[in-house]
C-alpha atoms as a PDB file:
ATOM      1  CA  MET A   1      -0.141   0.072   0.113  1.00  0.00           C
ATOM      2  CA  PRO A   2       1.517   3.355  -0.912  1.00  0.00           C
ATOM      3  CA  ASP A   3       2.316   5.529   1.391  1.00  0.00           C
ATOM      4  CA  PRO A   4      -0.367   8.712   1.698  1.00  0.00           C
ATOM      5  CA  SER A   5       2.227  11.267   2.796  1.00  0.00           C
ATOM      6  CA  TRP A   6       4.074  10.646  -0.478  1.00  0.00           C
ATOM      7  CA  SER A   7       4.189  13.159  -3.335  1.00  0.00           C
ATOM      8  CA  PRO A   8       5.641  13.512  -6.379  1.00  0.00           C
ATOM      9  CA  VAL A   9       5.889  17.441  -6.115  1.00  0.00           C
ATOM     10  CA  PRO A  10       8.976  17.677  -3.698  1.00  0.00           C
ATOM     11  CA  GLY A  11       8.967  20.464  -0.674  1.00  0.00           C
ATOM     12  CA  PRO A  12       6.277  21.521   1.524  1.00  0.00           C
ATOM     13  CA  GLN A  13       2.571  20.383   0.515  1.00  0.00           C
ATOM     14  CA  PRO A  14      -0.194  23.323   0.475  1.00  0.00           C
ATOM     15  CA  ASP A  15      -3.085  21.702   2.579  1.00  0.00           C
ATOM     16  CA  THR A  16      -5.546  20.310  -0.025  1.00  0.00           C
ATOM     17  CA  SER A  17      -8.496  19.694   2.084  1.00  0.00           C
ATOM     18  CA  PHE A  18     -11.373  21.171   0.264  1.00  0.00           C
ATOM     19  CA  LEU A  19     -13.846  20.745   3.293  1.00  0.00           C
ATOM     20  CA  ARG A  20     -11.522  22.370   5.481  1.00  0.00           C
ATOM     21  CA  SER A  21     -10.992  25.000   2.973  1.00  0.00           C
ATOM     22  CA  ILE A  22     -14.731  25.533   2.812  1.00  0.00           C
ATOM     23  CA  ILE A  23     -15.199  25.669   6.710  1.00  0.00           C
ATOM     24  CA  ARG A  24     -12.335  28.541   6.853  1.00  0.00           C
ATOM     25  CA  GLN A  25     -13.945  30.835   3.892  1.00  0.00           C
ATOM     26  CA  LEU A  26     -17.448  30.344   6.121  1.00  0.00           C
ATOM     27  CA  ARG A  27     -15.654  31.075   9.358  1.00  0.00           C
ATOM     28  CA  LEU A  28     -13.818  34.493   7.888  1.00  0.00           C
ATOM     29  CA  ALA A  29     -16.976  35.561   6.019  1.00  0.00           C
ATOM     30  CA  TRP A  30     -18.877  35.329   9.181  1.00  0.00           C
ATOM     31  CA  ARG A  31     -16.210  37.103  11.206  1.00  0.00           C
ATOM     32  CA  LEU A  32     -16.138  39.868   8.390  1.00  0.00           C
ATOM     33  CA  PHE A  33     -19.969  40.057   8.544  1.00  0.00           C
ATOM     34  CA  LEU A  34     -19.979  41.180  12.345  1.00  0.00           C
ATOM     35  CA  ASP A  35     -17.359  43.346  12.263  1.00  0.00           C
ATOM     36  CA  PRO A  36     -18.418  46.913  12.221  1.00  0.00           C
ATOM     37  CA  ARG A  37     -15.760  48.099  10.142  1.00  0.00           C
ATOM     38  CA  VAL A  38     -16.507  46.321   7.126  1.00  0.00           C
ATOM     39  CA  PRO A  39     -19.051  48.763   5.068  1.00  0.00           C
ATOM     40  CA  LEU A  40     -22.618  48.104   5.275  1.00  0.00           C
ATOM     41  CA  VAL A  41     -23.010  48.171   1.421  1.00  0.00           C
ATOM     42  CA  LEU A  42     -20.757  44.897   1.245  1.00  0.00           C
ATOM     43  CA  LYS A  43     -22.433  43.236   3.970  1.00  0.00           C
ATOM     44  CA  LEU A  44     -25.663  43.272   1.499  1.00  0.00           C
ATOM     45  CA  ILE A  45     -23.970  40.511  -0.780  1.00  0.00           C
ATOM     46  CA  PRO A  46     -24.456  37.657   1.596  1.00  0.00           C
ATOM     47  CA  PRO A  47     -28.067  38.083   1.862  1.00  0.00           C
ATOM     48  CA  ALA A  48     -28.813  38.846  -1.172  1.00  0.00           C
ATOM     49  CA  ALA A  49     -27.295  35.476  -2.393  1.00  0.00           C
ATOM     50  CA  PHE A  50     -29.655  33.710   0.028  1.00  0.00           C
ATOM     51  CA  LEU A  51     -32.412  35.501  -0.996  1.00  0.00           C
ATOM     52  CA  TYR A  52     -31.637  34.285  -4.615  1.00  0.00           C
ATOM     53  CA  VAL A  53     -31.335  30.804  -3.182  1.00  0.00           C
ATOM     54  CA  ILE A  54     -34.789  31.170  -1.350  1.00  0.00           C
ATOM     55  CA  TRP A  55     -36.660  32.724  -3.890  1.00  0.00           C
ATOM     56  CA  PRO A  56     -38.871  30.889  -6.399  1.00  0.00           C
ATOM     57  CA  LEU A  57     -37.698  32.203  -9.365  1.00  0.00           C
ATOM     58  CA  ASP A  58     -33.924  31.146 -10.951  1.00  0.00           C
ATOM     59  CA  PHE A  59     -32.240  31.396 -13.668  1.00  0.00           C
ATOM     60  CA  ALA A  60     -31.755  27.298 -13.590  1.00  0.00           C
ATOM     61  CA  PRO A  61     -34.917  25.802 -12.826  1.00  0.00           C
ATOM     62  CA  ASP A  62     -34.626  23.093 -10.453  1.00  0.00           C
ATOM     63  CA  LEU A  63     -36.975  20.952 -12.248  1.00  0.00           C
ATOM     64  CA  LEU A  64     -33.738  19.125 -13.488  1.00  0.00           C
ATOM     65  CA  PRO A  65     -32.618  17.097 -10.036  1.00  0.00           C
ATOM     66  CA  GLY A  66     -29.258  18.442  -8.946  1.00  0.00           C
ATOM     67  CA  LEU A  67     -28.777  21.013 -11.957  1.00  0.00           C
ATOM     68  CA  GLY A  68     -31.004  23.542 -10.413  1.00  0.00           C
ATOM     69  CA  GLN A  69     -29.169  23.148  -6.694  1.00  0.00           C
ATOM     70  CA  LEU A  70     -25.754  23.542  -8.299  1.00  0.00           C
ATOM     71  CA  ASP A  71     -26.571  26.920  -9.233  1.00  0.00           C
ATOM     72  CA  ASP A  72     -27.748  27.891  -5.926  1.00  0.00           C
ATOM     73  CA  LEU A  73     -24.731  26.541  -4.374  1.00  0.00           C
ATOM     74  CA  ALA A  74     -22.463  28.659  -7.101  1.00  0.00           C
ATOM     75  CA  VAL A  75     -24.199  32.016  -6.749  1.00  0.00           C
ATOM     76  CA  LEU A  76     -23.611  31.307  -2.395  1.00  0.00           C
ATOM     77  CA  GLY A  77     -20.014  30.304  -3.024  1.00  0.00           C
ATOM     78  CA  LEU A  78     -19.475  33.151  -5.247  1.00  0.00           C
ATOM     79  CA  SER A  79     -20.989  35.967  -2.979  1.00  0.00           C
ATOM     80  CA  ILE A  80     -18.961  34.614  -0.081  1.00  0.00           C
ATOM     81  CA  LYS A  81     -15.775  34.950  -2.431  1.00  0.00           C
ATOM     82  CA  LEU A  82     -16.700  38.285  -3.373  1.00  0.00           C
ATOM     83  CA  PHE A  83     -17.476  39.489  -0.163  1.00  0.00           C
ATOM     84  CA  ILE A  84     -14.073  38.353   0.968  1.00  0.00           C
ATOM     85  CA  GLU A  85     -12.508  39.920  -2.097  1.00  0.00           C
ATOM     86  CA  LEU A  86     -13.957  43.349  -1.548  1.00  0.00           C
ATOM     87  CA  ALA A  87     -13.748  43.616   2.294  1.00  0.00           C
ATOM     88  CA  PRO A  88     -10.760  45.649   3.074  1.00  0.00           C
ATOM     89  CA  PRO A  89      -7.710  44.025   3.068  1.00  0.00           C
ATOM     90  CA  THR A  90      -5.943  44.890   6.454  1.00  0.00           C
ATOM     91  CA  ILE A  91      -9.467  43.763   8.108  1.00  0.00           C
ATOM     92  CA  VAL A  92      -9.198  40.634   6.284  1.00  0.00           C
ATOM     93  CA  GLN A  93      -5.589  40.067   7.139  1.00  0.00           C
ATOM     94  CA  GLU A  94      -6.295  40.848  10.673  1.00  0.00           C
ATOM     95  CA  HIS A  95      -8.968  38.288  11.091  1.00  0.00           C
ATOM     96  CA  LEU A  96      -7.122  35.492   9.017  1.00  0.00           C
ATOM     97  CA  ARG A  97      -4.336  36.021  11.914  1.00  0.00           C
ATOM     98  CA  GLU A  98      -6.804  35.872  14.665  1.00  0.00           C
ATOM     99  CA  MET A  99      -8.116  32.825  13.246  1.00  0.00           C
ATOM    100  CA  GLU A 100      -4.870  31.202  12.677  1.00  0.00           C
ATOM    101  CA  ALA A 101      -3.908  31.805  16.182  1.00  0.00           C
ATOM    102  CA  VAL A 102      -6.553  30.441  17.802  1.00  0.00           C
ATOM    103  CA  THR A 103      -6.225  27.303  15.416  1.00  0.00           C
ATOM    104  CA  THR A 104      -2.462  27.223  16.408  1.00  0.00           C
ATOM    105  CA  SER A 105      -3.298  27.547  19.799  1.00  0.00           C
ATOM    106  CA  TRP A 106      -4.893  23.765  19.705  1.00  0.00           C
ATOM    107  CA  ARG A 107      -2.007  21.869  18.133  1.00  0.00           C
ATOM    108  CA  VAL A 108       0.381  19.441  20.681  1.00  0.00           C
ATOM    109  CA  VAL A 109       3.722  21.002  20.694  1.00  0.00           C
ATOM    110  CA  GLU A 110       6.624  18.493  21.999  1.00  0.00           C
ATOM    111  CA  ASP A 111       8.112  19.605  25.275  1.00  0.00           C
ATOM    112  CA  ARG A 112      11.832  20.047  24.454  1.00  0.00           C
ATOM    113  CA  PRO A 113      13.933  22.980  24.322  1.00  0.00           C
ATOM    114  CA  HIS A 114      15.573  25.193  21.560  1.00  0.00           C
ATOM    115  CA  GLU A 115      17.676  23.277  19.349  1.00  0.00           C
ATOM    116  CA  SER A 116      20.697  25.195  20.339  1.00  0.00           C
ATOM    117  CA  GLY A 117      20.063  23.797  23.579  1.00  0.00           C
ATOM    118  CA  GLN A 118      19.924  27.486  25.358  1.00  0.00           C
ATOM    119  CA  ILE A 119      16.854  28.411  27.309  1.00  0.00           C
ATOM    120  CA  ILE A 120      16.854  32.443  27.822  1.00  0.00           C
ATOM    121  CA  ASP A 121      14.308  33.125  30.674  1.00  0.00           C
ATOM    122  CA  ALA A 122      14.347  36.479  32.168  1.00  0.00           C
ATOM    123  CA  PRO A 123      11.672  38.279  34.052  1.00  0.00           C
ATOM    124  CA  TYR A 124      10.418  41.630  31.874  1.00  0.00           C
ATOM    125  CA  GLN A 125       7.823  44.287  32.447  1.00  0.00           C
ATOM    126  CA  ILE A 126       5.825  46.007  30.029  1.00  0.00           C
ATOM    127  CA  GLU A 127       5.555  49.736  30.389  1.00  0.00           C
ATOM    128  CA  LYS A 128       3.663  52.562  28.821  1.00  0.00           C
ATOM    129  CA  PRO A 129       5.753  53.097  25.582  1.00  0.00           C
ATOM    130  CA  ASP A 130       8.057  56.024  25.512  1.00  0.00           C
ATOM    131  CA  ARG A 131       9.766  57.797  22.832  1.00  0.00           C
ATOM    132  CA  GLN A 132      13.174  57.737  24.451  1.00  0.00           C
ATOM    133  CA  THR A 133      12.633  54.068  25.757  1.00  0.00           C
ATOM    134  CA  SER A 134      11.216  50.820  24.583  1.00  0.00           C
ATOM    135  CA  SER A 135       7.769  49.013  25.637  1.00  0.00           C
ATOM    136  CA  ILE A 136       9.517  46.127  27.307  1.00  0.00           C
ATOM    137  CA  LYS A 137      12.343  46.696  29.750  1.00  0.00           C
ATOM    138  CA  ARG A 138      14.363  43.721  31.188  1.00  0.00           C
ATOM    139  CA  HIS A 139      15.163  43.800  34.697  1.00  0.00           C
ATOM    140  CA  ASP A 140      18.248  42.413  36.206  1.00  0.00           C
ATOM    141  CA  VAL A 141      17.425  39.952  39.254  1.00  0.00           C
END
């Protein structure tokens, strides 16, 4: 039986999980939808797509099983993609970083020191930023 981790393309492989990608896009769209910094006009895109899906008139009638539902799924998918693409990029990046931080906090990490073997341990204190000093000061013990 072939090794599932083997790939003919060398180097790191992107995450190709289709379902995981869809869930991530939905979570991102939901976070953007709830963010007050995203313009209201953009927030009309997902509800408009949802209204199209439940509206009785379609571009492709639902008479043929499967075909009518495919256009509904396409409209929903494209509307979410359009909503994310038109949202302010800085806000999208901020939410992506927050989502990544949440997912990385649940990963299992081996309990081992840094590869160099050196462990640096020192007390620190966070203070208000000042023009002449940095925001983090080291206090010798």
